[in-house]
Amino acid sequence: MAPKSSQWIRGCEILMTAIYQLISNLIDESVKNRLIDTTDKIYAQNILLDLLQLDSYIEPTASTPNYSIPDTVDDIVSYAINKNIITDILAEKEKFAAKIMDVFVARPSMINEQFQSKLANDSSKSATNFFYELSKNSNYIQMKRIKKNVHFKANTAFGPMDITINLSKPEKDPEQLELERSKKEKSNYPLCPLCIENEGYAGRIDHAARANHRVVKIPLQNENWYLQYSPYVYYNEHCILLAEEHRDMKISKNTFERLLEFVETYPHYFMGSNADLPIVGGSILSHDHYQGGNYEFAMTKAKSRFDFSLEYYTSVSGSFLYWPISVIRLQSIDKNELIDAANHILTTWKNYTDEDAGIHPFTNNVSHNTITPIARIRDGKYELDLALRNNRTTAEHPMGIFHPHADVHHIKKENIGLIEVMGLAVLPPRLIDELNEIKKHLLGEPSNIADYHQAWAKEIKAAYGEQTDKNMINSIMENELGKKFVNVLEHAGVFKQDSSGENAFKRFIQSLNKRK
């Protein structure tokens, strides 16, 4: 197969001429985006020449193409493939692209110094703005790929849900998959994708390239924690807060203390944690970490189904949210009492049994009950949302009783983590083609609907009839996906939004007030 190259490179008569133009463009864009200063241009130029195995530099005579940094990097990678500097497999391309951008990213010490200076002398928002823009401009956050995602809001009974069909992450080449399988020695460095040792790591065939990756130190509760942004952000300023120590995730009183300490300093962000158990937890449970950002999810705007008080925590107000996942919202002006109340709920829930609601805390000493917490500052008060989770399985529901059931697996069967709990569906890329076939069906055109979508497609057509307006078809499919996502969340809710669920929740509140 011929090496891939950009349209612009193919249009140039001489590849050597093209590469000098690309080098010039990348340097100019990096100056414009404040990654480097004009005094750094020759230094950056010479590092790039070495990476591209060039001995000299020819000043380009053509006008600079109006290329962004990601486009320019993609073209330079294409040049490297054409010149056999790297092979045309995903891991090599990712490593080379990250190495190119590392030329333009300051050392960690300098970035931390700038971050702390803005935090101390300006504001926490100024500090995070600086770091977020740096992470985007350095091509660490893959903004070009993220634009491929399909994203819309679907109106539901619980408010407008965010629906994302994830198209941003590139698929691995067959050659890379074969190389990964044939690799004889497995490295355990870094121990996981979240370890601080990823900062500046070149990457390898089975580990993501992180040469242009940077983190900033955030002390929390007398420990070193580090802030980074997700390379594939799902919402505005989607960040990750990770422990310096590689240790298993654990929801405890310390979790609430850290989350609230963080939002106290960065009140424009929320910060939350995935649950710490399989099935109801996130994809990485081996490294203690949280996720946050500057975004208002549908759950943030959820109303109270009813309010309650906690007998031993008089400054804390509580409510059971009208939300498909079972969420307790606590508010207080007293941070310490709020933390104590949240810890009381956690420890009570961990050992709580309700036969009628199907809640069993243990099976042969294996724990099932835990919490997904989210912290924020709102209207001058500390706020904690505590989503009650249970990961028990049965023969009827082998993937989890409070997990997406089989009838919604055609849309989503993965774990419901923090992001989904708050109302953002991250759906698989296969749905793009599959939904198009359902749209054809609604238009009365020949279609090839996947077997697992057949019943759903019939239900939709029965509800709406045959359509002629393609815009209406898109609206119908968006609404129906929103309904399905609500079903997914309802399955994960331990106390349902009906009278039976309300009574079960009230029983839990009674248990909280029995003892301190």
Protein backbone atom coordinates (compact mmCIF):
# COMPACT_ATOMS: atom_id res chain seq x y z
CA MET A 1 0.00 0.00 0.00
CA ALA A 2 1.39 3.43 -0.94
CA PRO A 3 2.33 5.65 2.00
CA LYS A 4 -0.36 8.11 3.02
CA SER A 5 0.38 11.78 2.40
CA SER A 6 -1.62 14.97 2.48
CA GLN A 7 -3.21 16.60 -0.53
CA TRP A 8 -0.92 19.58 -0.09
CA ILE A 9 2.26 17.48 -0.11
CA ARG A 10 1.09 15.51 -3.15
CA GLY A 11 0.43 18.80 -4.91
CA CYS A 12 4.03 19.98 -4.45
CA GLU A 13 6.49 19.17 -7.24
CA ILE A 14 9.37 18.58 -4.84
CA LEU A 15 8.84 17.07 -1.40
CA MET A 16 12.01 18.76 -0.13
CA THR A 17 10.51 22.15 -0.88
CA ALA A 18 7.30 21.15 0.88
CA ILE A 19 8.98 20.10 4.10
CA TYR A 20 10.79 23.43 4.54
CA GLN A 21 7.50 25.22 4.07
CA LEU A 22 5.90 22.96 6.70
CA ILE A 23 8.74 23.55 9.17
CA SER A 24 8.40 27.29 8.66
CA ASN A 25 4.64 27.14 9.09
CA LEU A 26 4.82 25.06 12.27
CA ILE A 27 7.32 27.45 13.84
CA ASP A 28 5.23 30.49 12.88
CA GLU A 29 2.04 28.94 14.26
CA SER A 30 3.82 28.00 17.48
CA VAL A 31 4.99 31.59 17.94
CA LYS A 32 1.49 32.87 17.16
CA ASN A 33 0.01 30.49 19.76
CA ARG A 34 2.64 31.51 22.34
CA LEU A 35 4.21 28.08 22.62
CA ILE A 36 7.62 29.60 21.88
CA ASP A 37 9.10 33.07 21.56
CA THR A 38 10.57 34.49 18.34
CA THR A 39 14.03 34.07 19.90
CA ASP A 40 13.40 30.29 19.97
CA LYS A 41 12.76 29.99 16.21
CA ILE A 42 16.25 28.91 15.08
CA TYR A 43 16.58 26.46 17.97
CA ALA A 44 13.20 24.86 17.12
CA GLN A 45 14.13 24.82 13.43
CA ASN A 46 17.34 22.90 14.09
CA ILE A 47 15.65 20.32 16.34
CA LEU A 48 13.06 19.69 13.61
CA LEU A 49 15.80 19.32 10.99
CA ASP A 50 17.41 16.61 13.11
CA LEU A 51 14.11 14.79 13.60
CA LEU A 52 13.53 14.86 9.85
CA GLN A 53 17.11 13.79 9.04
CA LEU A 54 17.89 17.01 7.21
CA ASP A 55 21.37 18.56 7.30
CA SER A 56 20.45 22.09 6.32
CA TYR A 57 17.57 24.50 6.01
CA ILE A 58 16.34 26.26 2.87
CA GLU A 59 14.21 29.32 3.47
CA PRO A 60 10.91 28.68 1.66
CA THR A 61 9.92 31.14 -1.04
CA ALA A 62 6.27 30.13 -1.32
CA SER A 63 3.64 31.84 0.81
CA THR A 64 2.80 30.07 4.06
CA PRO A 65 -0.29 27.84 3.77
CA ASN A 66 -3.08 28.71 6.18
CA TYR A 67 -2.57 25.48 8.12
CA SER A 68 -3.31 24.92 11.78
CA ILE A 69 -0.78 23.17 14.00
CA PRO A 70 -2.60 19.79 13.81
CA ASP A 71 -2.82 19.97 10.00
CA THR A 72 0.83 20.93 9.71
CA VAL A 73 1.93 18.12 12.03
CA ASP A 74 -0.13 15.62 10.02
CA ASP A 75 1.65 16.75 6.85
CA ILE A 76 5.09 16.50 8.44
CA VAL A 77 4.23 12.96 9.59
CA SER A 78 3.21 12.15 6.01
CA TYR A 79 6.57 13.45 4.80
CA ALA A 80 8.37 11.27 7.36
CA ILE A 81 6.51 8.22 6.06
CA ASN A 82 7.38 9.10 2.43
CA LYS A 83 11.05 9.40 3.38
CA ASN A 84 11.01 6.13 5.39
CA ILE A 85 11.90 7.97 8.58
CA ILE A 86 9.00 6.19 10.28
CA THR A 87 6.74 3.31 9.26
CA ASP A 88 3.09 3.82 8.36
CA ILE A 89 1.52 2.37 11.50
CA LEU A 90 -0.50 4.26 14.09
CA ALA A 91 1.90 3.92 17.04
CA GLU A 92 4.87 5.23 15.02
CA LYS A 93 2.85 8.14 13.64
CA GLU A 94 1.58 9.06 17.11
CA LYS A 95 5.10 8.90 18.58
CA PHE A 96 6.55 11.07 15.84
CA ALA A 97 3.74 13.65 16.03
CA ALA A 98 4.18 13.96 19.81
CA LYS A 99 7.96 14.23 19.44
CA ILE A 100 7.54 17.06 16.92
CA MET A 101 5.33 19.04 19.29
CA ASP A 102 7.60 18.38 22.27
CA VAL A 103 10.03 20.75 20.53
CA PHE A 104 7.58 23.57 21.24
CA VAL A 105 6.44 22.70 24.77
CA ALA A 106 8.29 24.15 27.75
CA ARG A 107 9.89 21.99 30.44
CA PRO A 108 7.53 20.90 33.25
CA SER A 109 9.25 23.17 35.78
CA MET A 110 8.59 26.27 33.65
CA ILE A 111 4.96 25.35 33.05
CA ASN A 112 4.39 24.72 36.76
CA GLU A 113 6.04 28.04 37.59
CA GLN A 114 3.75 29.90 35.17
CA PHE A 115 0.68 28.07 36.45
CA GLN A 116 1.48 28.85 40.09
CA SER A 117 2.28 32.48 39.26
CA LYS A 118 -1.10 32.98 37.59
CA LEU A 119 -2.80 31.21 40.49
CA ALA A 120 -1.12 33.43 43.07
CA ASN A 121 -1.15 36.76 41.22
CA ASP A 122 -4.23 36.59 39.03
CA SER A 123 -6.89 33.90 39.58
CA SER A 124 -7.46 30.17 39.50
CA LYS A 125 -9.40 30.63 36.26
CA SER A 126 -6.44 32.43 34.68
CA ALA A 127 -4.19 29.53 35.72
CA THR A 128 -6.42 26.84 34.23
CA ASN A 129 -7.04 28.92 31.08
CA PHE A 130 -3.28 29.11 30.56
CA PHE A 131 -2.82 25.38 31.00
CA TYR A 132 -5.85 24.42 28.89
CA GLU A 133 -4.75 26.62 25.98
CA LEU A 134 -1.23 25.19 26.23
CA SER A 135 -2.60 21.62 26.17
CA LYS A 136 -4.67 22.40 23.06
CA ASN A 137 -2.01 24.37 21.20
CA SER A 138 0.64 21.72 21.85
CA ASN A 139 -1.62 19.20 20.08
CA TYR A 140 -1.79 17.11 23.25
CA ILE A 141 -5.55 17.65 23.32
CA GLN A 142 -6.58 16.28 19.94
CA MET A 143 -8.94 19.08 18.90
CA LYS A 144 -8.85 18.18 15.20
CA ARG A 145 -9.94 14.61 15.93
CA ILE A 146 -12.48 15.68 18.56
CA LYS A 147 -14.29 17.70 15.88
CA LYS A 148 -15.16 14.39 14.21
CA ASN A 149 -17.39 13.42 17.15
CA VAL A 150 -21.13 13.66 16.64
CA HIS A 151 -22.60 15.68 19.49
CA PHE A 152 -26.10 16.92 20.20
CA LYS A 153 -28.53 17.52 23.04
CA ALA A 154 -31.64 15.35 23.31
CA ASN A 155 -34.66 16.62 25.22
CA THR A 156 -35.86 14.16 27.87
CA ALA A 157 -38.11 14.13 30.92
CA PHE A 158 -34.96 14.81 32.99
CA GLY A 159 -33.76 17.75 30.89
CA PRO A 160 -31.52 17.96 27.81
CA MET A 161 -29.04 15.08 27.81
CA ASP A 162 -25.67 15.33 26.02
CA ILE A 163 -25.24 12.60 23.41
CA THR A 164 -21.80 11.99 21.89
CA ILE A 165 -20.94 9.35 19.30
CA ASN A 166 -17.20 8.98 19.75
CA LEU A 167 -15.35 9.14 16.43
CA SER A 168 -12.19 10.86 17.65
CA LYS A 169 -9.97 7.98 18.67
CA PRO A 170 -8.19 6.44 15.64
CA GLU A 171 -8.48 2.72 15.13
CA LYS A 172 -5.30 0.68 15.39
CA ASP A 173 -3.79 -0.59 12.14
CA PRO A 174 -3.82 -4.37 11.58
CA GLU A 175 0.00 -4.17 11.45
CA GLN A 176 0.09 -2.55 14.89
CA LEU A 177 -2.29 -5.10 16.38
CA GLU A 178 -0.06 -7.87 15.05
CA LEU A 179 3.05 -6.21 16.50
CA GLU A 180 1.34 -5.85 19.88
CA ARG A 181 0.41 -9.54 19.85
CA SER A 182 3.92 -10.60 18.87
CA LYS A 183 5.72 -8.48 21.43
CA LYS A 184 7.51 -10.94 23.68
CA GLU A 185 8.49 -8.70 26.58
CA LYS A 186 5.82 -6.55 28.19
CA SER A 187 6.99 -3.37 29.86
CA ASN A 188 5.42 -2.15 33.08
CA TYR A 189 6.71 1.39 32.68
CA PRO A 190 4.72 3.53 33.12
CA LEU A 191 2.52 1.32 35.29
CA CYS A 192 -0.69 2.72 33.75
CA PRO A 193 -1.87 5.52 31.41
CA LEU A 194 -2.42 7.88 34.38
CA CYS A 195 0.94 7.60 36.15
CA ILE A 196 3.01 10.77 36.33
CA GLU A 197 5.79 8.87 34.53
CA ASN A 198 3.78 9.42 31.34
CA GLU A 199 4.91 13.06 31.28
CA GLY A 200 7.28 13.30 28.30
CA TYR A 201 7.28 9.52 27.67
CA ALA A 202 7.95 8.78 23.99
CA GLY A 203 5.52 5.86 23.86
CA ARG A 204 5.83 2.42 22.31
CA ILE A 205 3.76 0.00 20.28
CA ASP A 206 1.51 -0.84 23.26
CA HIS A 207 1.60 2.48 25.15
CA ALA A 208 0.38 5.89 24.02
CA ALA A 209 2.89 8.55 22.99
CA ARG A 210 3.15 11.29 25.60
CA ALA A 211 6.26 13.29 24.59
CA ASN A 212 4.22 16.54 24.49
CA HIS A 213 2.27 15.72 27.67
CA ARG A 214 2.55 17.99 30.71
CA VAL A 215 0.97 18.01 34.19
CA VAL A 216 0.83 20.65 36.94
CA LYS A 217 1.21 19.91 40.63
CA ILE A 218 -1.89 20.39 42.82
CA PRO A 219 -1.25 19.70 46.53
CA LEU A 220 -4.31 18.15 48.22
CA GLN A 221 -4.57 17.01 51.83
CA ASN A 222 -0.80 16.96 52.31
CA GLU A 223 -0.27 14.82 49.19
CA ASN A 224 0.98 15.62 45.71
CA TRP A 225 -1.72 15.38 43.08
CA TYR A 226 -1.41 16.44 39.45
CA LEU A 227 -3.76 18.11 36.98
CA GLN A 228 -3.86 17.26 33.31
CA TYR A 229 -6.45 17.50 30.56
CA SER A 230 -7.94 14.54 28.75
CA PRO A 231 -6.39 14.19 25.27
CA TYR A 232 -9.91 13.47 23.97
CA VAL A 233 -12.02 15.97 25.91
CA TYR A 234 -15.73 15.13 26.06
CA TYR A 235 -16.74 18.55 27.40
CA ASN A 236 -15.22 21.98 28.07
CA GLU A 237 -11.94 21.78 30.00
CA HIS A 238 -12.37 18.06 30.70
CA CYS A 239 -9.55 17.51 33.19
CA ILE A 240 -8.10 14.63 35.19
CA LEU A 241 -6.70 14.95 38.70
CA LEU A 242 -4.39 12.07 39.58
CA ALA A 243 -2.51 10.88 42.64
CA GLU A 244 1.28 10.85 42.52
CA GLU A 245 1.24 7.36 44.02
CA HIS A 246 0.08 4.52 41.81
CA ARG A 247 -2.62 3.00 44.02
CA ASP A 248 -6.11 1.60 43.59
CA MET A 249 -9.08 3.94 43.52
CA LYS A 250 -10.88 4.16 46.85
CA ILE A 251 -13.92 6.24 47.80
CA SER A 252 -13.49 7.38 51.42
CA LYS A 253 -13.73 10.44 53.62
CA ASN A 254 -10.41 11.52 52.10
CA THR A 255 -12.11 11.60 48.70
CA PHE A 256 -14.68 14.16 49.86
CA GLU A 257 -11.94 16.20 51.55
CA ARG A 258 -9.84 16.32 48.38
CA LEU A 259 -12.74 17.08 46.05
CA LEU A 260 -13.96 19.98 48.17
CA GLU A 261 -10.45 21.33 48.73
CA PHE A 262 -9.97 21.37 44.96
CA VAL A 263 -13.20 23.20 44.11
CA GLU A 264 -12.56 25.63 46.95
CA THR A 265 -9.42 26.77 45.09
CA TYR A 266 -10.91 26.28 41.59
CA PRO A 267 -14.59 27.22 42.06
CA HIS A 268 -15.20 27.49 38.29
CA TYR A 269 -14.65 23.71 38.03
CA PHE A 270 -16.60 20.75 39.33
CA MET A 271 -14.58 17.72 40.42
CA GLY A 272 -15.87 14.17 40.81
CA SER A 273 -14.78 10.57 41.03
CA ASN A 274 -15.75 7.37 39.35
CA ALA A 275 -16.95 4.66 41.71
CA ASP A 276 -14.26 2.35 43.05
CA LEU A 277 -15.80 -1.02 42.13
CA PRO A 278 -15.88 -3.00 38.86
CA ILE A 279 -19.01 -2.67 36.67
CA VAL A 280 -20.09 0.64 38.24
CA GLY A 281 -16.59 2.16 38.20
CA GLY A 282 -14.59 3.72 35.39
CA SER A 283 -12.18 2.08 32.96
CA ILE A 284 -9.09 2.60 35.17
CA LEU A 285 -9.50 1.46 38.78
CA SER A 286 -5.79 0.82 39.34
CA HIS A 287 -4.88 4.51 39.77
CA ASP A 288 -6.59 6.87 42.18
CA HIS A 289 -7.89 9.79 40.10
CA TYR A 290 -10.78 12.20 39.63
CA GLN A 291 -12.34 14.00 36.68
CA GLY A 292 -13.65 17.54 36.44
CA GLY A 293 -14.02 20.56 34.21
CA ASN A 294 -15.82 23.77 33.42
CA TYR A 295 -19.17 22.48 32.19
CA GLU A 296 -22.74 22.34 33.44
CA PHE A 297 -24.28 18.89 32.92
CA ALA A 298 -27.98 18.11 32.94
CA MET A 299 -27.63 16.51 36.39
CA THR A 300 -26.20 19.76 37.77
CA LYS A 301 -29.52 21.42 36.89
CA ALA A 302 -31.66 18.53 38.20
CA LYS A 303 -34.46 19.50 40.60
CA SER A 304 -35.22 17.94 43.94
CA ARG A 305 -37.83 15.19 44.04
CA PHE A 306 -38.05 15.82 47.77
CA ASP A 307 -35.87 17.34 50.50
CA PHE A 308 -34.76 15.79 53.75
CA SER A 309 -32.66 16.61 56.78
CA LEU A 310 -29.97 14.65 58.58
CA GLU A 311 -30.53 14.58 62.33
CA TYR A 312 -26.87 14.84 63.31
CA TYR A 313 -25.78 17.37 60.67
CA THR A 314 -27.95 20.42 61.19
CA SER A 315 -26.08 22.75 58.80
CA VAL A 316 -26.45 20.29 55.93
CA SER A 317 -29.50 20.29 53.65
CA GLY A 318 -30.29 17.19 51.62
CA SER A 319 -32.41 16.32 48.61
CA PHE A 320 -33.19 13.27 46.52
CA LEU A 321 -32.78 14.45 42.93
CA TYR A 322 -35.30 13.91 40.17
CA TRP A 323 -32.75 12.04 38.10
CA PRO A 324 -32.65 8.49 36.65
CA ILE A 325 -29.53 7.60 38.66
CA SER A 326 -30.18 7.67 42.43
CA VAL A 327 -28.46 10.88 43.59
CA ILE A 328 -28.36 12.58 46.98
CA ARG A 329 -27.47 16.28 46.88
CA LEU A 330 -25.95 17.78 50.04
CA GLN A 331 -25.31 21.50 50.56
CA SER A 332 -23.76 23.44 53.43
CA ILE A 333 -21.74 26.51 54.26
CA ASP A 334 -19.80 24.33 56.70
CA LYS A 335 -17.30 22.27 54.69
CA ASN A 336 -16.27 20.01 57.57
CA GLU A 337 -19.81 19.11 58.54
CA LEU A 338 -20.64 18.44 54.88
CA ILE A 339 -17.67 16.06 54.67
CA ASP A 340 -18.78 14.29 57.85
CA ALA A 341 -22.34 13.96 56.53
CA ALA A 342 -21.11 12.55 53.21
CA ASN A 343 -18.86 10.08 55.00
CA HIS A 344 -21.79 8.99 57.19
CA ILE A 345 -23.85 8.33 54.06
CA LEU A 346 -20.97 6.42 52.46
CA THR A 347 -20.30 4.17 55.47
CA THR A 348 -24.03 3.53 55.98
CA TRP A 349 -24.57 2.76 52.29
CA LYS A 350 -21.62 0.37 52.15
CA ASN A 351 -23.37 -1.88 54.67
CA TYR A 352 -26.98 -1.16 53.71
CA THR A 353 -29.48 -3.92 52.86
CA ASP A 354 -32.95 -3.50 51.38
CA GLU A 355 -34.42 -6.80 50.19
CA ASP A 356 -37.43 -5.16 48.53
CA ALA A 357 -35.17 -2.88 46.47
CA GLY A 358 -32.73 -5.68 45.62
CA ILE A 359 -29.91 -4.03 47.58
CA HIS A 360 -27.37 -6.46 49.06
CA PRO A 361 -24.06 -4.97 50.23
CA PHE A 362 -21.99 -8.16 50.15
CA THR A 363 -21.73 -11.54 48.46
CA ASN A 364 -19.23 -13.81 50.24
CA ASN A 365 -17.47 -10.75 51.67
CA VAL A 366 -17.23 -9.11 48.25
CA SER A 367 -18.48 -5.52 48.54
CA HIS A 368 -21.23 -4.23 46.21
CA ASN A 369 -22.26 -0.78 47.51
CA THR A 370 -20.28 2.37 46.76
CA ILE A 371 -20.74 5.98 45.68
CA THR A 372 -19.92 8.19 42.68
CA PRO A 373 -19.32 11.66 44.22
CA ILE A 374 -19.27 15.08 42.50
CA ALA A 375 -18.22 18.31 44.24
CA ARG A 376 -18.80 21.96 43.33
CA ILE A 377 -19.25 25.42 44.83
CA ARG A 378 -22.66 26.92 44.13
CA ASP A 379 -24.25 30.13 45.39
CA GLY A 380 -21.67 30.45 48.12
CA LYS A 381 -22.24 26.91 49.41
CA TYR A 382 -20.27 23.70 49.26
CA GLU A 383 -22.18 21.03 47.35
CA LEU A 384 -21.73 17.27 47.04
CA ASP A 385 -23.76 15.01 44.78
CA LEU A 386 -23.58 11.37 45.90
CA ALA A 387 -24.76 8.85 43.30
CA LEU A 388 -25.57 5.55 45.05
CA ARG A 389 -24.16 2.57 43.15
CA ASN A 390 -24.41 -1.22 43.47
CA ASN A 391 -22.58 -3.75 41.26
CA ARG A 392 -24.32 -6.99 42.23
CA THR A 393 -24.99 -9.48 39.42
CA THR A 394 -27.55 -12.27 38.94
CA ALA A 395 -28.20 -14.98 36.39
CA GLU A 396 -30.83 -12.71 34.82
CA HIS A 397 -28.45 -9.75 34.75
CA PRO A 398 -24.91 -11.21 34.57
CA MET A 399 -23.38 -7.81 33.74
CA GLY A 400 -25.07 -6.16 36.72
CA ILE A 401 -28.54 -5.61 38.15
CA PHE A 402 -27.88 -1.85 38.28
CA HIS A 403 -26.07 -1.74 34.96
CA PRO A 404 -27.47 -1.31 31.42
CA HIS A 405 -29.71 -4.32 30.81
CA ALA A 406 -29.65 -6.49 27.71
CA ASP A 407 -32.50 -4.59 26.03
CA VAL A 408 -30.34 -1.43 25.73
CA HIS A 409 -27.04 -3.12 24.86
CA HIS A 410 -27.64 -2.37 21.20
CA ILE A 411 -26.96 1.26 22.17
CA LYS A 412 -24.62 0.96 25.15
CA LYS A 413 -23.46 -1.87 27.38
CA GLU A 414 -20.27 -0.35 28.79
CA ASN A 415 -19.88 0.78 32.41
CA ILE A 416 -21.82 3.84 33.55
CA GLY A 417 -19.09 6.04 34.96
CA LEU A 418 -18.92 9.58 36.24
CA ILE A 419 -19.53 11.27 32.87
CA GLU A 420 -22.62 9.20 32.09
CA VAL A 421 -23.94 9.62 35.64
CA MET A 422 -24.00 13.38 35.08
CA GLY A 423 -25.89 13.07 31.79
CA LEU A 424 -23.41 12.70 28.93
CA ALA A 425 -23.69 9.56 26.84
CA VAL A 426 -20.47 8.39 25.18
CA LEU A 427 -21.68 6.02 22.47
CA PRO A 428 -19.69 3.70 20.15
CA PRO A 429 -18.74 4.76 16.57
CA ARG A 430 -20.59 1.77 15.04
CA LEU A 431 -23.83 3.67 15.63
CA ILE A 432 -23.17 6.14 12.81
CA ASP A 433 -23.68 3.55 10.05
CA GLU A 434 -26.27 1.60 12.02
CA LEU A 435 -28.46 4.65 12.65
CA ASN A 436 -28.27 5.59 8.97
CA GLU A 437 -29.83 2.22 8.12
CA ILE A 438 -32.68 2.90 10.54
CA LYS A 439 -33.17 6.32 8.95
CA LYS A 440 -33.48 4.64 5.54
CA HIS A 441 -36.08 2.33 7.02
CA LEU A 442 -38.10 5.30 8.28
CA LEU A 443 -37.90 6.87 4.82
CA GLY A 444 -39.23 3.69 3.23
CA GLU A 445 -35.91 3.02 1.49
CA PRO A 446 -34.10 -0.33 1.28
CA SER A 447 -32.08 -0.81 4.45
CA ASN A 448 -29.83 -3.28 6.22
CA ILE A 449 -30.65 -2.92 9.91
CA ALA A 450 -28.51 -4.82 12.39
CA ASP A 451 -30.37 -7.66 14.10
CA TYR A 452 -30.00 -6.08 17.53
CA HIS A 453 -31.69 -2.86 16.29
CA GLN A 454 -34.65 -4.58 14.59
CA ALA A 455 -37.12 -4.33 17.46
CA TRP A 456 -36.15 -0.72 18.15
CA ALA A 457 -36.51 0.27 14.49
CA LYS A 458 -40.01 -1.25 14.38
CA GLU A 459 -41.01 0.61 17.54
CA ILE A 460 -39.83 3.91 16.11
CA LYS A 461 -41.64 3.40 12.81
CA ALA A 462 -44.82 2.39 14.62
CA ALA A 463 -44.62 5.56 16.72
CA TYR A 464 -43.83 8.04 13.94
CA GLY A 465 -44.91 6.32 10.73
CA GLU A 466 -43.04 6.53 7.44
CA GLN A 467 -41.27 9.85 6.98
CA THR A 468 -40.32 11.99 3.97
CA ASP A 469 -38.39 14.84 5.65
CA LYS A 470 -34.74 13.95 6.32
CA ASN A 471 -34.41 16.77 8.86
CA MET A 472 -37.36 15.33 10.77
CA ILE A 473 -35.70 11.90 10.63
CA ASN A 474 -32.58 13.31 12.29
CA SER A 475 -34.69 14.92 15.01
CA ILE A 476 -36.58 11.67 15.61
CA MET A 477 -33.36 9.64 15.93
CA GLU A 478 -31.81 12.16 18.32
CA ASN A 479 -34.88 12.08 20.54
CA GLU A 480 -35.01 8.29 20.50
CA LEU A 481 -31.32 8.04 21.39
CA GLY A 482 -32.01 10.39 24.30
CA LYS A 483 -34.81 8.13 25.51
CA LYS A 484 -32.56 5.08 25.26
CA PHE A 485 -29.85 6.82 27.26
CA VAL A 486 -32.39 7.66 29.95
CA ASN A 487 -33.29 3.94 30.01
CA VAL A 488 -29.60 3.12 30.43
CA LEU A 489 -29.37 5.45 33.44
CA GLU A 490 -32.64 4.20 34.91
CA HIS A 491 -31.27 0.67 34.89
CA ALA A 492 -28.27 1.93 36.88
CA GLY A 493 -30.46 3.67 39.47
CA VAL A 494 -30.78 1.73 42.72
CA PHE A 495 -33.95 3.63 43.78
CA LYS A 496 -36.27 4.17 40.83
CA GLN A 497 -38.16 7.39 40.13
CA ASP A 498 -41.54 5.94 41.13
CA SER A 499 -43.46 5.54 44.37
CA SER A 500 -41.72 2.26 45.19
CA GLY A 501 -38.30 3.83 44.63
CA GLU A 502 -39.23 6.89 46.65
CA ASN A 503 -40.33 4.71 49.57
CA ALA A 504 -37.10 2.72 49.33
CA PHE A 505 -35.07 5.92 49.41
CA LYS A 506 -36.99 7.15 52.45
CA ARG A 507 -36.13 3.90 54.22
CA PHE A 508 -32.48 4.62 53.53
CA ILE A 509 -32.81 8.14 54.96
CA GLN A 510 -34.40 6.66 58.08
CA SER A 511 -31.40 4.39 58.48
CA LEU A 512 -29.11 7.43 58.24
CA ASN A 513 -30.95 9.14 61.07
CA LYS A 514 -30.99 6.10 63.37
CA ARG A 515 -27.36 6.45 64.35
CA LYS A 516 -24.40 8.64 63.80
